[in-house]
Amino acid sequence: MITREVCERVLRKAVSTGADYAELFAENTMNHSIHMIDNRVDSINDTVVSGAAVRVYKGLRSVMATTVDKSEQGLLRCAEQAAEALGQGTAEIQIVLRERTFGDIHPVTVVPSSVPNTQKVTVLKEGYFAAKDHHASIRQVTGTLGNVDRHILIATSEGLYTQDRQIRTRMAINAVAEINGETQTGTFSPGSRMGLEMFDSVDPKQIGLRAARQAVTMAGAGYCPAGVMPVAIEGGFGGVIFHEACGHSLEAAFVAYGRSQFAGKLGEKIAHEKVTAIDDGTIPSAWGSINIDDEGHSAQRNVLIENGILKSYMVDRFNGRRMGMESTGNSRRQSYSYTPTSRMTNTYIAPGTDKNEDIIASMEYGLYAKDMGGGSVNPVTGEFNFTVSEGYIVRNGVICEPVRGASLVGKGSEILHNIDMVGTDLDMGQGVCGASSGSVPTNVGQPLIRVSSITVGGR
């Protein structure tokens, strides 16, 4: 991308007015997607994101400037703008860059850009028509196969010069079923930090079938009754509850300013002793994994909560200054045009010792949330509201009829104490998390868990 010598000159310009730290971030990202609807390929899209950002610090002040011109002159102008915005002063930093390689724990064997679109369409059609042909009640199916190929370069005034390449692949099938005039939607969208070799272990037909089965089941279901009751939340995307209701509140972007329900609580018991929660960017080939974060720090495995005790936060460089803490390798950004901040990677509740059958058998009457949908959360208070995509009533320890229209309402700090049973089988689900630094790929996960008491919205 940009030579080490050019990066040195740009960083010297960036610190010329007295900055105590400077960073150059450059990227070239190719996004490719194929979309199907009405039994045919509707569109094939290719987009390129290319540009650079120069960021400077002085104490707790931070300024960032961006440019699409990655020539030396364009980068120098960008650095000059950042330096001038920071203020007046003189350079006190000597900048000598040394290249560093971090290795790649996510090897790719089939780079998507090397595969003809016809082969990708064949894979997508397998998932699409598996959903379309599953049941007579299926009214519409949409399918998308997408991949991202991201090249980044990071150079800093501390002497770091490094690059990384990030390839991800994801398929999403959405099915709509209609039964007795009622329509419901089913969705499944697995992804991985892999190329098209992802489909050596993930069957496209099973992606389509899972989406269609959920749509048909929910279209034929009655409405969920409302009330306070125990809820068993399945693994995989069920982990979105922890991600949203608790995970964001453990990010330095909120903690550093006291805008978190868990600010100032390191070392305190904030959850049931059965709860251990981890953010791990080092899981090989996982959707949310990284080799380095977007500030050039190595990916880490961070234990956030251990046996109910708050052990750590997820910290980026700038907010770490305010908190007096080192980076935990969690600084992420959607692209060069966003200021990076602390974000999750692969965040999950660790496996426990309870058997799945015992968790269900423990419930006299409650809800089994097999799959979760979207929702909203206030990181300051931890108050959340999430939809249940696929739910079932539990009676006398037995999973019974499906119900739709369920939602889970509560507060993160309370739900952590109410998770009193944790299963043994960890499962992950893939998503895209949006926050101040844009949308980034994140994994959520957990085993089957039981929340002893939570408000269920319904009819």
Protein backbone atom coordinates (compact mmCIF):
# COMPACT_ATOMS: atom_id res chain seq x y z
CA MET A 1 0.00 0.00 0.00
CA ILE A 2 2.18 2.82 1.34
CA THR A 3 5.93 2.53 1.88
CA ARG A 4 7.49 2.77 5.32
CA GLU A 5 9.43 5.88 4.26
CA VAL A 6 6.27 7.70 3.18
CA CYS A 7 4.55 6.72 6.44
CA GLU A 8 7.44 8.20 8.43
CA ARG A 9 7.15 11.52 6.61
CA VAL A 10 3.39 11.61 7.10
CA LEU A 11 3.66 10.88 10.83
CA ARG A 12 6.34 13.54 11.27
CA LYS A 13 3.96 16.04 9.71
CA ALA A 14 1.16 14.83 11.99
CA VAL A 15 3.15 15.46 15.19
CA SER A 16 4.63 18.75 13.98
CA THR A 17 2.34 20.88 16.20
CA GLY A 18 3.08 19.00 19.41
CA ALA A 19 1.00 15.83 19.32
CA ASP A 20 2.25 13.14 21.70
CA TYR A 21 0.94 10.32 19.50
CA ALA A 22 0.05 9.94 15.81
CA GLU A 23 -1.40 7.12 13.75
CA LEU A 24 -1.86 6.51 10.04
CA PHE A 25 -4.54 4.01 9.04
CA ALA A 26 -5.04 3.10 5.37
CA GLU A 27 -7.29 0.54 3.77
CA ASN A 28 -8.45 -0.96 0.50
CA THR A 29 -11.56 -3.09 0.91
CA MET A 30 -13.54 -4.98 -1.73
CA ASN A 31 -17.14 -5.94 -0.94
CA HIS A 32 -18.91 -8.44 -3.20
CA SER A 33 -22.48 -9.74 -2.93
CA ILE A 34 -24.95 -11.77 -4.97
CA HIS A 35 -28.66 -11.36 -4.23
CA MET A 36 -31.52 -13.71 -5.22
CA ILE A 37 -35.29 -13.16 -5.18
CA ASP A 38 -38.21 -14.53 -7.25
CA ASN A 39 -36.19 -17.59 -8.26
CA ARG A 40 -33.50 -15.60 -10.02
CA VAL A 41 -30.37 -13.61 -9.43
CA ASP A 42 -31.55 -10.07 -8.83
CA SER A 43 -28.20 -8.29 -8.51
CA ILE A 44 -24.46 -8.72 -8.28
CA ASN A 45 -22.74 -5.86 -6.48
CA ASP A 46 -19.11 -4.87 -6.11
CA THR A 47 -17.98 -1.90 -4.06
CA VAL A 48 -14.52 -0.66 -3.11
CA VAL A 49 -13.66 1.36 0.00
CA SER A 50 -10.26 3.02 -0.28
CA GLY A 51 -8.76 5.81 1.78
CA ALA A 52 -6.72 6.78 4.80
CA ALA A 53 -7.05 8.49 8.16
CA VAL A 54 -4.52 10.37 10.27
CA ARG A 55 -5.25 10.60 13.98
CA VAL A 56 -3.30 12.61 16.57
CA TYR A 57 -3.48 12.80 20.37
CA LYS A 58 -2.33 15.34 22.88
CA GLY A 59 -3.27 14.22 26.35
CA LEU A 60 -6.99 13.58 26.25
CA ARG A 61 -7.54 15.54 23.05
CA SER A 62 -7.92 13.64 19.80
CA VAL A 63 -8.26 14.84 16.20
CA MET A 64 -8.75 12.75 13.05
CA ALA A 65 -8.62 13.75 9.38
CA THR A 66 -9.43 11.52 6.40
CA THR A 67 -8.65 11.43 2.70
CA VAL A 68 -9.33 9.32 -0.37
CA ASP A 69 -6.02 10.47 -1.85
CA LYS A 70 -3.38 7.96 -0.75
CA SER A 71 -0.57 9.58 -2.71
CA GLU A 72 2.24 11.02 -0.59
CA GLN A 73 1.03 14.55 -1.17
CA GLY A 74 -2.54 13.61 -0.30
CA LEU A 75 -1.46 11.94 2.92
CA LEU A 76 0.76 14.87 3.88
CA ARG A 77 -2.15 17.28 3.39
CA CYS A 78 -4.33 15.05 5.56
CA ALA A 79 -1.65 14.94 8.29
CA GLU A 80 -1.26 18.71 8.12
CA GLN A 81 -5.01 19.21 8.61
CA ALA A 82 -4.99 16.97 11.69
CA ALA A 83 -1.93 18.72 13.10
CA GLU A 84 -3.35 22.20 12.57
CA ALA A 85 -6.67 21.24 14.16
CA LEU A 86 -4.87 19.93 17.24
CA GLY A 87 -3.22 23.26 17.98
CA GLN A 88 0.10 25.09 18.02
CA GLY A 89 3.32 23.59 19.30
CA THR A 90 6.53 21.93 18.20
CA ALA A 91 7.39 18.33 17.46
CA GLU A 92 9.01 16.43 20.31
CA ILE A 93 8.83 12.89 18.89
CA GLN A 94 11.46 11.16 16.78
CA ILE A 95 9.78 8.71 14.41
CA VAL A 96 11.54 5.61 13.11
CA LEU A 97 9.30 2.83 11.83
CA ARG A 98 10.08 -0.87 12.08
CA GLU A 99 7.95 -3.37 10.23
CA ARG A 100 6.22 -5.98 12.35
CA THR A 101 4.26 -9.03 11.23
CA PHE A 102 1.69 -10.62 13.54
CA GLY A 103 1.03 -13.79 11.56
CA ASP A 104 -2.33 -15.06 10.34
CA ILE A 105 -4.37 -17.41 12.51
CA HIS A 106 -7.18 -17.42 9.93
CA PRO A 107 -5.70 -18.95 6.74
CA VAL A 108 -7.88 -18.77 3.63
CA THR A 109 -7.65 -21.53 1.02
CA VAL A 110 -10.27 -20.33 -1.50
CA VAL A 111 -10.07 -16.56 -1.99
CA PRO A 112 -13.57 -15.51 -3.14
CA SER A 113 -12.32 -13.08 -5.81
CA SER A 114 -10.56 -15.99 -7.53
CA VAL A 115 -13.84 -17.92 -7.99
CA PRO A 116 -16.17 -17.18 -10.95
CA ASN A 117 -19.58 -15.73 -10.09
CA THR A 118 -21.24 -18.74 -11.73
CA GLN A 119 -19.84 -21.00 -9.02
CA LYS A 120 -20.96 -18.63 -6.27
CA VAL A 121 -24.47 -18.48 -7.78
CA THR A 122 -24.61 -22.30 -7.76
CA VAL A 123 -23.85 -22.32 -4.02
CA LEU A 124 -26.44 -19.62 -3.32
CA LYS A 125 -29.11 -21.44 -5.34
CA GLU A 126 -28.67 -24.55 -3.20
CA GLY A 127 -29.66 -22.61 -0.11
CA TYR A 128 -32.34 -20.58 -1.86
CA PHE A 129 -34.26 -23.48 -3.40
CA ALA A 130 -33.92 -25.65 -0.29
CA ALA A 131 -35.96 -22.96 1.47
CA LYS A 132 -38.30 -22.32 -1.46
CA ASP A 133 -39.24 -25.99 -1.88
CA HIS A 134 -39.48 -26.86 1.81
CA HIS A 135 -43.22 -26.32 2.29
CA ALA A 136 -46.25 -25.15 0.34
CA SER A 137 -46.75 -22.26 2.76
CA ILE A 138 -43.47 -20.57 1.75
CA ARG A 139 -44.45 -17.41 -0.11
CA GLN A 140 -41.12 -15.69 -0.68
CA VAL A 141 -37.42 -16.36 -0.25
CA THR A 142 -34.48 -14.00 -0.53
CA GLY A 143 -30.87 -15.06 -0.45
CA THR A 144 -27.53 -13.31 -0.31
CA LEU A 145 -23.97 -14.59 -0.59
CA GLY A 146 -21.42 -11.97 0.37
CA ASN A 147 -17.71 -11.71 0.95
CA VAL A 148 -15.31 -9.01 2.09
CA ASP A 149 -11.60 -8.73 1.30
CA ARG A 150 -10.03 -6.03 3.49
CA HIS A 151 -6.42 -4.87 3.35
CA ILE A 152 -5.28 -2.50 6.10
CA LEU A 153 -2.03 -0.72 6.95
CA ILE A 154 -1.24 0.85 10.32
CA ALA A 155 1.75 3.04 11.18
CA THR A 156 2.20 4.86 14.48
CA SER A 157 4.57 7.35 16.07
CA GLU A 158 5.62 4.60 18.48
CA GLY A 159 7.42 2.90 15.59
CA LEU A 160 4.85 0.33 14.45
CA TYR A 161 4.50 -0.41 10.73
CA THR A 162 2.27 -3.38 9.90
CA GLN A 163 -0.34 -4.70 7.49
CA ASP A 164 -3.14 -7.26 7.59
CA ARG A 165 -5.60 -8.90 5.21
CA GLN A 166 -9.07 -9.91 6.38
CA ILE A 167 -11.37 -12.13 4.29
CA ARG A 168 -14.90 -13.02 5.41
CA THR A 169 -17.77 -14.96 3.80
CA ARG A 170 -21.43 -15.10 4.77
CA MET A 171 -24.68 -16.53 3.38
CA ALA A 172 -28.11 -15.28 4.48
CA ILE A 173 -31.46 -16.91 3.61
CA ASN A 174 -34.74 -15.22 4.56
CA ALA A 175 -38.02 -17.11 4.11
CA VAL A 176 -41.62 -15.89 4.51
CA ALA A 177 -44.40 -18.39 5.23
CA GLU A 178 -48.18 -17.81 5.24
CA ILE A 179 -50.66 -20.02 7.12
CA ASN A 180 -54.33 -19.04 7.52
CA GLY A 181 -53.58 -15.51 6.40
CA GLU A 182 -50.78 -15.05 8.94
CA THR A 183 -47.23 -14.48 7.70
CA GLN A 184 -44.00 -15.02 9.60
CA THR A 185 -40.32 -14.80 8.69
CA GLY A 186 -37.43 -17.17 9.28
CA THR A 187 -33.78 -16.23 8.85
CA PHE A 188 -30.43 -17.94 9.07
CA SER A 189 -27.16 -16.23 8.16
CA PRO A 190 -23.95 -18.03 9.14
CA GLY A 191 -20.58 -16.47 8.37
CA SER A 192 -16.90 -17.09 8.93
CA ARG A 193 -13.43 -15.51 8.74
CA MET A 194 -12.86 -17.78 5.72
CA GLY A 195 -13.10 -17.85 1.96
CA LEU A 196 -15.47 -20.09 0.00
CA GLU A 197 -13.96 -23.12 1.75
CA MET A 198 -16.54 -22.23 4.41
CA PHE A 199 -18.99 -24.35 2.40
CA ASP A 200 -16.84 -27.45 2.83
CA SER A 201 -18.21 -27.61 6.39
CA VAL A 202 -21.42 -25.55 6.07
CA ASP A 203 -24.14 -27.03 3.84
CA PRO A 204 -25.99 -24.28 1.91
CA LYS A 205 -29.11 -26.47 1.81
CA GLN A 206 -29.21 -26.63 5.59
CA ILE A 207 -29.04 -22.82 5.75
CA GLY A 208 -32.16 -22.59 3.58
CA LEU A 209 -33.98 -25.36 5.43
CA ARG A 210 -33.36 -23.80 8.82
CA ALA A 211 -34.77 -20.45 7.68
CA ALA A 212 -37.82 -22.07 6.06
CA ARG A 213 -38.60 -24.34 9.00
CA GLN A 214 -38.56 -21.40 11.37
CA ALA A 215 -40.91 -19.40 9.12
CA VAL A 216 -43.39 -22.30 8.81
CA THR A 217 -43.30 -23.07 12.53
CA MET A 218 -43.93 -19.49 13.56
CA ALA A 219 -46.63 -18.89 10.94
CA GLY A 220 -48.65 -21.72 12.47
CA ALA A 221 -48.07 -20.65 16.07
CA GLY A 222 -50.35 -18.87 18.50
CA TYR A 223 -49.36 -15.79 20.46
CA CYS A 224 -47.10 -15.94 23.48
CA PRO A 225 -48.73 -15.07 26.82
CA ALA A 226 -47.17 -12.18 28.72
CA GLY A 227 -45.83 -12.37 32.25
CA VAL A 228 -42.82 -12.86 34.49
CA MET A 229 -41.47 -16.37 34.12
CA PRO A 230 -38.29 -18.44 33.76
CA VAL A 231 -36.85 -18.49 30.24
CA ALA A 232 -34.40 -20.93 28.69
CA ILE A 233 -32.38 -19.21 25.94
CA GLU A 234 -30.70 -21.43 23.38
CA GLY A 235 -27.07 -21.09 22.31
CA GLY A 236 -25.86 -19.51 19.07
CA PHE A 237 -27.56 -16.22 18.35
CA GLY A 238 -29.22 -16.41 21.77
CA GLY A 239 -25.94 -14.88 22.91
CA VAL A 240 -27.14 -11.56 21.50
CA ILE A 241 -28.77 -11.01 24.90
CA PHE A 242 -25.38 -10.84 26.63
CA HIS A 243 -23.81 -8.92 23.72
CA GLU A 244 -26.38 -6.16 23.81
CA ALA A 245 -27.60 -6.05 27.39
CA CYS A 246 -24.18 -6.46 29.04
CA GLY A 247 -21.36 -6.49 26.47
CA HIS A 248 -21.70 -2.88 25.32
CA SER A 249 -21.66 -1.76 28.94
CA LEU A 250 -18.21 -3.37 29.28
CA GLU A 251 -16.71 -1.36 26.41
CA ALA A 252 -14.35 1.46 27.38
CA ALA A 253 -16.26 3.80 25.05
CA PHE A 254 -18.95 3.88 27.76
CA VAL A 255 -17.00 2.95 30.89
CA ALA A 256 -14.37 5.70 30.48
CA TYR A 257 -17.04 8.39 30.80
CA GLY A 258 -19.07 6.73 33.54
CA ARG A 259 -21.88 5.99 31.10
CA SER A 260 -22.06 2.31 31.93
CA GLN A 261 -23.96 0.25 34.47
CA PHE A 262 -20.63 -1.47 35.27
CA ALA A 263 -18.32 1.55 35.53
CA GLY A 264 -16.06 1.40 38.61
CA LYS A 265 -17.04 -2.18 39.47
CA LEU A 266 -13.86 -4.14 38.66
CA GLY A 267 -13.44 -6.92 41.18
CA GLU A 268 -17.08 -6.83 42.25
CA LYS A 269 -19.66 -9.60 41.89
CA ILE A 270 -21.96 -8.51 39.06
CA ALA A 271 -23.37 -11.87 37.97
CA HIS A 272 -24.37 -15.30 39.21
CA GLU A 273 -21.34 -17.43 40.08
CA LYS A 274 -22.16 -19.74 37.17
CA VAL A 275 -21.54 -16.92 34.68
CA THR A 276 -18.14 -16.59 33.01
CA ALA A 277 -18.09 -14.28 29.98
CA ILE A 278 -15.26 -13.92 27.46
CA ASP A 279 -14.40 -11.75 24.47
CA ASP A 280 -11.92 -13.64 22.30
CA GLY A 281 -10.62 -12.25 19.01
CA THR A 282 -8.19 -15.16 18.58
CA ILE A 283 -10.64 -17.98 17.75
CA PRO A 284 -9.37 -19.41 14.42
CA SER A 285 -11.59 -18.51 11.46
CA ALA A 286 -14.45 -17.21 13.64
CA TRP A 287 -16.60 -14.46 12.13
CA GLY A 288 -15.57 -11.78 14.64
CA SER A 289 -11.90 -12.78 14.88
CA ILE A 290 -8.95 -10.55 14.05
CA ASN A 291 -5.17 -10.88 13.85
CA ILE A 292 -4.73 -7.27 14.97
CA ASP A 293 -7.24 -4.62 15.92
CA ASP A 294 -7.56 -1.38 13.97
CA GLU A 295 -4.90 0.30 16.10
CA GLY A 296 -2.34 -2.45 15.47
CA HIS A 297 -2.63 -4.35 18.76
CA SER A 298 -2.63 -8.15 18.74
CA ALA A 299 -5.96 -9.90 19.15
CA GLN A 300 -6.50 -11.14 22.71
CA ARG A 301 -8.66 -13.47 24.76
CA ASN A 302 -10.16 -11.25 27.46
CA VAL A 303 -12.03 -12.76 30.41
CA LEU A 304 -14.64 -10.13 31.20
CA ILE A 305 -16.53 -11.92 33.98
CA GLU A 306 -15.18 -14.94 35.87
CA ASN A 307 -17.54 -16.90 38.11
CA GLY A 308 -19.66 -13.78 38.49
CA ILE A 309 -16.76 -11.39 39.25
CA LEU A 310 -16.04 -8.47 36.87
CA LYS A 311 -12.43 -8.97 35.75
CA SER A 312 -11.85 -6.59 32.85
CA TYR A 313 -13.26 -4.22 30.27
CA MET A 314 -12.71 -4.05 26.51
CA VAL A 315 -10.31 -1.16 26.00
CA ASP A 316 -9.03 0.87 23.04
CA ARG A 317 -5.97 3.12 23.13
CA PHE A 318 -7.65 6.52 23.53
CA ASN A 319 -10.22 5.54 26.16
CA GLY A 320 -7.49 3.56 27.88
CA ARG A 321 -5.67 6.86 28.44
CA ARG A 322 -8.64 8.21 30.32
CA MET A 323 -8.98 5.01 32.35
CA GLY A 324 -5.27 4.44 32.96
CA MET A 325 -5.50 1.02 31.29
CA GLU A 326 -3.69 -0.70 28.43
CA SER A 327 -5.43 -1.66 25.20
CA THR A 328 -7.02 -5.12 25.16
CA GLY A 329 -6.94 -5.44 21.35
CA ASN A 330 -10.57 -4.34 20.96
CA SER A 331 -10.27 -1.16 18.89
CA ARG A 332 -12.33 -1.51 15.70
CA ARG A 333 -13.76 0.64 12.92
CA GLN A 334 -15.99 -0.03 9.93
CA SER A 335 -13.61 1.85 7.64
CA TYR A 336 -10.98 4.58 7.56
CA SER A 337 -13.73 7.22 7.69
CA TYR A 338 -14.78 6.18 11.22
CA THR A 339 -12.87 6.94 14.40
CA PRO A 340 -12.00 3.60 16.04
CA THR A 341 -13.16 2.76 19.53
CA SER A 342 -13.59 -0.24 21.82
CA ARG A 343 -15.77 -2.95 20.28
CA MET A 344 -16.51 -6.63 20.78
CA THR A 345 -15.09 -9.47 18.63
CA ASN A 346 -16.36 -12.96 19.59
CA THR A 347 -18.23 -12.45 22.87
CA TYR A 348 -19.83 -15.36 24.69
CA ILE A 349 -20.90 -16.93 27.95
CA ALA A 350 -18.56 -19.86 28.60
CA PRO A 351 -19.89 -23.41 28.95
CA GLY A 352 -21.05 -24.54 32.38
CA THR A 353 -21.91 -27.92 33.89
CA ASP A 354 -25.70 -28.13 33.62
CA LYS A 355 -27.20 -30.66 31.21
CA ASN A 356 -29.64 -29.31 28.64
CA GLU A 357 -32.34 -31.76 29.66
CA ASP A 358 -32.01 -30.68 33.28
CA ILE A 359 -32.40 -27.02 32.34
CA ILE A 360 -35.69 -27.69 30.54
CA ALA A 361 -36.88 -30.16 33.20
CA SER A 362 -36.37 -27.51 35.90
CA MET A 363 -39.09 -25.30 34.41
CA GLU A 364 -42.65 -25.91 35.58
CA TYR A 365 -43.95 -23.20 33.26
CA GLY A 366 -41.90 -20.84 31.12
CA LEU A 367 -40.56 -19.99 27.68
CA TYR A 368 -37.94 -21.74 25.59
CA ALA A 369 -36.34 -19.16 23.27
CA LYS A 370 -34.83 -21.25 20.51
CA ASP A 371 -33.71 -18.27 18.45
CA MET A 372 -33.45 -14.54 19.12
CA GLY A 373 -34.05 -11.54 16.90
CA GLY A 374 -33.16 -7.88 17.13
CA GLY A 375 -33.74 -5.44 19.93
CA SER A 376 -32.51 -2.33 21.68
CA VAL A 377 -30.50 -1.51 24.81
CA ASN A 378 -29.45 1.53 26.81
CA PRO A 379 -25.77 0.92 27.82
CA VAL A 380 -26.04 3.44 30.65
CA THR A 381 -28.91 1.70 32.44
CA GLY A 382 -28.66 -1.73 30.80
CA GLU A 383 -32.39 -1.74 30.03
CA PHE A 384 -33.17 -3.91 26.99
CA ASN A 385 -35.99 -5.24 24.84
CA PHE A 386 -35.43 -8.18 22.46
CA THR A 387 -37.70 -10.14 20.17
CA VAL A 388 -37.81 -13.92 20.20
CA SER A 389 -37.69 -15.22 16.62
CA GLU A 390 -38.66 -18.75 17.56
CA GLY A 391 -40.17 -19.61 20.92
CA TYR A 392 -41.99 -22.47 22.65
CA ILE A 393 -43.97 -22.81 25.86
CA VAL A 394 -42.48 -25.13 28.47
CA ARG A 395 -44.91 -27.02 30.73
CA ASN A 396 -43.89 -29.41 33.49
CA GLY A 397 -40.37 -29.66 32.10
CA VAL A 398 -41.44 -30.41 28.52
CA ILE A 399 -41.10 -28.17 25.44
CA CYS A 400 -44.61 -27.83 24.04
CA GLU A 401 -46.33 -25.66 21.42
CA PRO A 402 -44.60 -22.86 19.47
CA VAL A 403 -45.57 -19.27 20.24
CA ARG A 404 -44.91 -16.04 18.37
CA GLY A 405 -44.80 -12.40 19.29
CA ALA A 406 -42.62 -12.97 22.37
CA SER A 407 -40.13 -10.42 23.61
CA LEU A 408 -37.74 -10.32 26.57
CA VAL A 409 -37.65 -7.14 28.65
CA GLY A 410 -35.23 -6.45 31.47
CA LYS A 411 -32.00 -4.90 32.71
CA GLY A 412 -28.53 -6.26 32.03
CA SER A 413 -27.28 -6.08 35.61
CA GLU A 414 -30.34 -8.01 36.78
CA ILE A 415 -30.33 -10.70 34.10
CA LEU A 416 -26.69 -11.52 34.91
CA HIS A 417 -27.69 -12.42 38.47
CA ASN A 418 -30.70 -14.40 37.22
CA ILE A 419 -28.73 -16.70 34.91
CA ASP A 420 -28.71 -19.64 37.32
CA MET A 421 -28.15 -22.59 34.96
CA VAL A 422 -25.56 -22.80 32.18
CA GLY A 423 -25.31 -25.71 29.74
CA THR A 424 -22.24 -27.50 28.43
CA ASP A 425 -22.42 -26.99 24.66
CA LEU A 426 -21.19 -23.63 23.36
CA ASP A 427 -22.64 -22.44 20.06
CA MET A 428 -21.96 -19.23 18.14
CA GLY A 429 -24.10 -16.96 15.96
CA GLN A 430 -22.94 -14.28 13.55
CA GLY A 431 -24.03 -10.66 13.37
CA VAL A 432 -23.02 -7.14 12.44
CA CYS A 433 -22.83 -4.73 15.37
CA GLY A 434 -23.44 -1.03 14.85
CA ALA A 435 -21.99 1.68 17.11
CA SER A 436 -20.10 4.97 16.93
CA SER A 437 -17.25 3.45 14.89
CA GLY A 438 -19.64 1.96 12.33
CA SER A 439 -20.73 -1.61 11.68
CA VAL A 440 -18.28 -4.44 12.40
CA PRO A 441 -18.63 -8.25 12.26
CA THR A 442 -19.13 -9.83 15.67
CA ASN A 443 -19.82 -13.32 16.97
CA VAL A 444 -22.23 -13.88 19.84
CA GLY A 445 -22.62 -17.14 21.70
CA GLN A 446 -23.45 -19.21 24.74
CA PRO A 447 -24.66 -22.67 25.70
CA LEU A 448 -28.31 -23.15 26.61
CA ILE A 449 -28.91 -21.00 29.71
CA ARG A 450 -31.78 -20.52 32.12
CA VAL A 451 -32.84 -17.10 33.36
CA SER A 452 -34.76 -17.79 36.55
CA SER A 453 -37.07 -14.80 36.17
CA ILE A 454 -37.58 -12.27 33.38
CA THR A 455 -40.45 -10.24 31.94
CA VAL A 456 -41.85 -11.80 28.77
CA GLY A 457 -43.85 -9.54 26.52
CA GLY A 458 -46.69 -11.05 24.54
CA ARG A 459 -50.49 -11.14 24.52
